[in-house]
Amino acid sequence: MLSRTGHRSARTALYMPALVALRHNPALQAFGERLRANGLAPKAVVGAAMRKLAHLIFGVVRSGMPFDAQMAMPKLDVQDGI
């Protein structure tokens, strides 16, 4: 279960996009698979994807550049080998 503390509308706004990103975004797919392989609960994986998505959105807004999976997850292949 996701924590009820924090910004409710942010949780509501990021829940479904996180589910979609876990299915269709290659960077977040690998991230989610790695968390599941480490034994994280399914709701916790969605929560982590929501947080990761919020960070990616903030980075795109702040930099003004379009999303690039290679720049967002430059060490993803190294992390998967751990």
N, C-alpha and C. Protein backbone atom coordinates (compact mmCIF):
# COMPACT_ATOMS: atom_id res chain seq x y z
N MET A 1 0.84 -1.18 0.00
CA MET A 1 0.00 0.00 0.00
C MET A 1 0.88 1.23 0.00
N LEU A 2 0.49 2.19 -0.82
CA LEU A 2 1.23 3.43 -0.87
C LEU A 2 0.91 4.27 0.35
N SER A 3 1.88 5.02 0.79
CA SER A 3 1.69 5.86 1.96
C SER A 3 0.64 6.93 1.70
N ARG A 4 -0.15 7.23 2.70
CA ARG A 4 -1.17 8.27 2.54
C ARG A 4 -0.63 9.65 2.89
N THR A 5 0.61 9.73 3.29
CA THR A 5 1.20 11.04 3.54
C THR A 5 1.70 11.60 2.22
N GLY A 6 1.88 12.87 2.18
CA GLY A 6 2.37 13.49 0.97
C GLY A 6 1.24 14.08 0.14
N HIS A 7 1.56 14.44 -1.06
CA HIS A 7 0.65 15.15 -1.94
C HIS A 7 -0.29 14.17 -2.64
N ARG A 8 -1.55 14.18 -2.26
CA ARG A 8 -2.53 13.22 -2.78
C ARG A 8 -2.74 13.36 -4.28
N SER A 9 -2.83 14.58 -4.77
CA SER A 9 -3.08 14.77 -6.19
C SER A 9 -1.87 14.34 -7.03
N ALA A 10 -0.67 14.46 -6.48
CA ALA A 10 0.52 13.99 -7.21
C ALA A 10 0.51 12.46 -7.31
N ARG A 11 0.14 11.78 -6.22
CA ARG A 11 0.02 10.32 -6.27
C ARG A 11 -1.03 9.90 -7.28
N THR A 12 -2.17 10.58 -7.26
CA THR A 12 -3.26 10.26 -8.17
C THR A 12 -2.84 10.50 -9.62
N ALA A 13 -2.12 11.59 -9.86
CA ALA A 13 -1.73 11.94 -11.21
C ALA A 13 -0.64 11.02 -11.76
N LEU A 14 0.18 10.42 -10.90
CA LEU A 14 1.30 9.61 -11.38
C LEU A 14 1.03 8.11 -11.37
N TYR A 15 -0.06 7.65 -10.77
CA TYR A 15 -0.29 6.21 -10.64
C TYR A 15 -0.47 5.53 -12.00
N MET A 16 -1.44 5.96 -12.79
CA MET A 16 -1.68 5.33 -14.08
C MET A 16 -0.53 5.55 -15.06
N PRO A 17 0.07 6.74 -15.15
CA PRO A 17 1.23 6.89 -16.02
C PRO A 17 2.39 5.97 -15.63
N ALA A 18 2.55 5.69 -14.34
CA ALA A 18 3.61 4.78 -13.90
C ALA A 18 3.31 3.36 -14.36
N LEU A 19 2.05 2.94 -14.28
CA LEU A 19 1.68 1.61 -14.77
C LEU A 19 1.94 1.49 -16.26
N VAL A 20 1.58 2.51 -17.02
CA VAL A 20 1.80 2.50 -18.46
C VAL A 20 3.30 2.51 -18.77
N ALA A 21 4.05 3.30 -18.05
CA ALA A 21 5.49 3.38 -18.29
C ALA A 21 6.18 2.05 -17.96
N LEU A 22 5.71 1.35 -16.94
CA LEU A 22 6.29 0.05 -16.61
C LEU A 22 6.04 -0.97 -17.72
N ARG A 23 5.00 -0.79 -18.50
CA ARG A 23 4.70 -1.71 -19.59
C ARG A 23 5.35 -1.31 -20.90
N HIS A 24 5.51 0.01 -21.16
CA HIS A 24 5.88 0.45 -22.50
C HIS A 24 7.20 1.24 -22.59
N ASN A 25 7.70 1.78 -21.52
CA ASN A 25 8.94 2.55 -21.55
C ASN A 25 10.11 1.61 -21.25
N PRO A 26 11.04 1.43 -22.21
CA PRO A 26 12.13 0.47 -21.99
C PRO A 26 12.98 0.76 -20.76
N ALA A 27 13.21 2.03 -20.47
CA ALA A 27 14.03 2.39 -19.31
C ALA A 27 13.32 1.99 -18.01
N LEU A 28 12.03 2.28 -17.90
CA LEU A 28 11.31 1.94 -16.69
C LEU A 28 10.96 0.45 -16.63
N GLN A 29 10.87 -0.21 -17.78
CA GLN A 29 10.65 -1.66 -17.78
C GLN A 29 11.83 -2.36 -17.12
N ALA A 30 13.03 -1.98 -17.53
CA ALA A 30 14.22 -2.59 -16.94
C ALA A 30 14.32 -2.27 -15.45
N PHE A 31 13.98 -1.06 -15.08
CA PHE A 31 13.98 -0.65 -13.68
C PHE A 31 13.01 -1.50 -12.87
N GLY A 32 11.78 -1.66 -13.39
CA GLY A 32 10.77 -2.45 -12.69
C GLY A 32 11.14 -3.93 -12.59
N GLU A 33 11.70 -4.48 -13.66
CA GLU A 33 12.12 -5.89 -13.63
C GLU A 33 13.22 -6.12 -12.61
N ARG A 34 14.14 -5.15 -12.51
CA ARG A 34 15.22 -5.28 -11.54
C ARG A 34 14.68 -5.26 -10.11
N LEU A 35 13.70 -4.39 -9.85
CA LEU A 35 13.11 -4.32 -8.52
C LEU A 35 12.33 -5.59 -8.19
N ARG A 36 11.58 -6.11 -9.18
CA ARG A 36 10.84 -7.36 -8.95
C ARG A 36 11.78 -8.52 -8.69
N ALA A 37 12.90 -8.55 -9.42
CA ALA A 37 13.88 -9.62 -9.23
C ALA A 37 14.49 -9.57 -7.83
N ASN A 38 14.57 -8.37 -7.25
CA ASN A 38 15.10 -8.22 -5.90
C ASN A 38 14.05 -8.51 -4.83
N GLY A 39 12.83 -8.88 -5.24
CA GLY A 39 11.81 -9.28 -4.29
C GLY A 39 10.91 -8.17 -3.78
N LEU A 40 10.87 -7.04 -4.45
CA LEU A 40 10.02 -5.94 -4.01
C LEU A 40 8.56 -6.26 -4.32
N ALA A 41 7.67 -5.87 -3.45
CA ALA A 41 6.23 -6.10 -3.63
C ALA A 41 5.73 -5.33 -4.87
N PRO A 42 4.71 -5.85 -5.54
CA PRO A 42 4.22 -5.20 -6.76
C PRO A 42 3.79 -3.74 -6.57
N LYS A 43 3.11 -3.44 -5.48
CA LYS A 43 2.71 -2.05 -5.22
C LYS A 43 3.92 -1.16 -4.96
N ALA A 44 4.95 -1.72 -4.34
CA ALA A 44 6.16 -0.95 -4.08
C ALA A 44 6.90 -0.66 -5.39
N VAL A 45 6.83 -1.60 -6.33
CA VAL A 45 7.45 -1.37 -7.65
C VAL A 45 6.73 -0.22 -8.34
N VAL A 46 5.41 -0.19 -8.26
CA VAL A 46 4.64 0.90 -8.87
C VAL A 46 4.99 2.22 -8.18
N GLY A 47 5.11 2.21 -6.87
CA GLY A 47 5.49 3.41 -6.14
C GLY A 47 6.87 3.92 -6.52
N ALA A 48 7.81 3.00 -6.70
CA ALA A 48 9.16 3.39 -7.12
C ALA A 48 9.14 3.94 -8.54
N ALA A 49 8.30 3.35 -9.39
CA ALA A 49 8.18 3.85 -10.76
C ALA A 49 7.56 5.24 -10.78
N MET A 50 6.62 5.49 -9.87
CA MET A 50 6.02 6.82 -9.77
C MET A 50 7.08 7.84 -9.38
N ARG A 51 7.91 7.48 -8.43
CA ARG A 51 8.98 8.40 -8.00
C ARG A 51 9.98 8.64 -9.13
N LYS A 52 10.37 7.56 -9.82
CA LYS A 52 11.31 7.68 -10.93
C LYS A 52 10.71 8.54 -12.03
N LEU A 53 9.43 8.35 -12.31
CA LEU A 53 8.75 9.14 -13.34
C LEU A 53 8.71 10.61 -12.95
N ALA A 54 8.47 10.90 -11.68
CA ALA A 54 8.46 12.29 -11.22
C ALA A 54 9.83 12.93 -11.43
N HIS A 55 10.89 12.18 -11.15
CA HIS A 55 12.25 12.70 -11.35
C HIS A 55 12.53 12.93 -12.83
N LEU A 56 12.09 12.01 -13.68
CA LEU A 56 12.30 12.17 -15.12
C LEU A 56 11.53 13.37 -15.65
N ILE A 57 10.29 13.56 -15.20
CA ILE A 57 9.49 14.70 -15.62
C ILE A 57 10.15 16.00 -15.19
N PHE A 58 10.62 16.04 -13.94
CA PHE A 58 11.30 17.24 -13.45
C PHE A 58 12.54 17.55 -14.28
N GLY A 59 13.29 16.51 -14.63
CA GLY A 59 14.49 16.72 -15.44
C GLY A 59 14.18 17.25 -16.82
N VAL A 60 13.12 16.75 -17.44
CA VAL A 60 12.73 17.23 -18.77
C VAL A 60 12.26 18.69 -18.68
N VAL A 61 11.46 19.01 -17.68
CA VAL A 61 10.96 20.37 -17.54
C VAL A 61 12.11 21.33 -17.24
N ARG A 62 13.00 20.92 -16.37
CA ARG A 62 14.09 21.82 -15.97
C ARG A 62 15.09 22.04 -17.09
N SER A 63 15.43 20.96 -17.84
CA SER A 63 16.42 21.10 -18.90
C SER A 63 15.84 21.69 -20.17
N GLY A 64 14.53 21.48 -20.40
CA GLY A 64 13.91 21.98 -21.62
C GLY A 64 14.19 21.10 -22.83
N MET A 65 14.85 19.97 -22.62
CA MET A 65 15.17 19.05 -23.71
C MET A 65 14.15 17.92 -23.72
N PRO A 66 13.90 17.31 -24.90
CA PRO A 66 12.97 16.17 -24.93
C PRO A 66 13.55 14.96 -24.21
N PHE A 67 12.65 14.05 -23.81
CA PHE A 67 13.07 12.85 -23.07
C PHE A 67 13.97 11.98 -23.94
N ASP A 68 15.06 11.53 -23.39
CA ASP A 68 15.97 10.61 -24.07
C ASP A 68 16.31 9.50 -23.08
N ALA A 69 15.93 8.27 -23.41
CA ALA A 69 16.13 7.14 -22.49
C ALA A 69 17.61 6.89 -22.24
N GLN A 70 18.44 7.12 -23.23
CA GLN A 70 19.88 6.90 -23.04
C GLN A 70 20.47 7.88 -22.04
N MET A 71 19.98 9.11 -22.06
CA MET A 71 20.49 10.09 -21.10
C MET A 71 19.86 9.87 -19.72
N ALA A 72 18.61 9.40 -19.69
CA ALA A 72 17.92 9.22 -18.41
C ALA A 72 18.51 8.06 -17.62
N MET A 73 18.90 7.00 -18.27
CA MET A 73 19.41 5.81 -17.61
C MET A 73 20.76 5.40 -18.20
N PRO A 74 21.81 6.24 -18.04
CA PRO A 74 23.08 5.93 -18.71
C PRO A 74 23.78 4.69 -18.15
N LYS A 75 23.58 4.33 -16.89
CA LYS A 75 24.28 3.21 -16.30
C LYS A 75 23.34 2.05 -16.02
N LEU A 76 22.25 1.95 -16.76
CA LEU A 76 21.24 0.95 -16.50
C LEU A 76 21.79 -0.45 -16.71
N ASP A 77 22.60 -0.66 -17.78
CA ASP A 77 23.15 -1.99 -18.02
C ASP A 77 24.13 -2.38 -16.93
N VAL A 78 24.84 -1.44 -16.36
CA VAL A 78 25.77 -1.72 -15.27
C VAL A 78 24.98 -2.08 -14.01
N GLN A 79 23.88 -1.37 -13.75
CA GLN A 79 23.08 -1.62 -12.57
C GLN A 79 22.42 -3.00 -12.63
N ASP A 80 22.02 -3.42 -13.83
CA ASP A 80 21.36 -4.72 -13.95
C ASP A 80 22.33 -5.87 -13.67
N GLY A 81 23.63 -5.63 -13.81
CA GLY A 81 24.60 -6.69 -13.57
C GLY A 81 24.92 -6.88 -12.11
N ILE A 82 24.44 -6.01 -11.25
CA ILE A 82 24.74 -6.11 -9.81
C ILE A 82 24.00 -7.24 -9.18
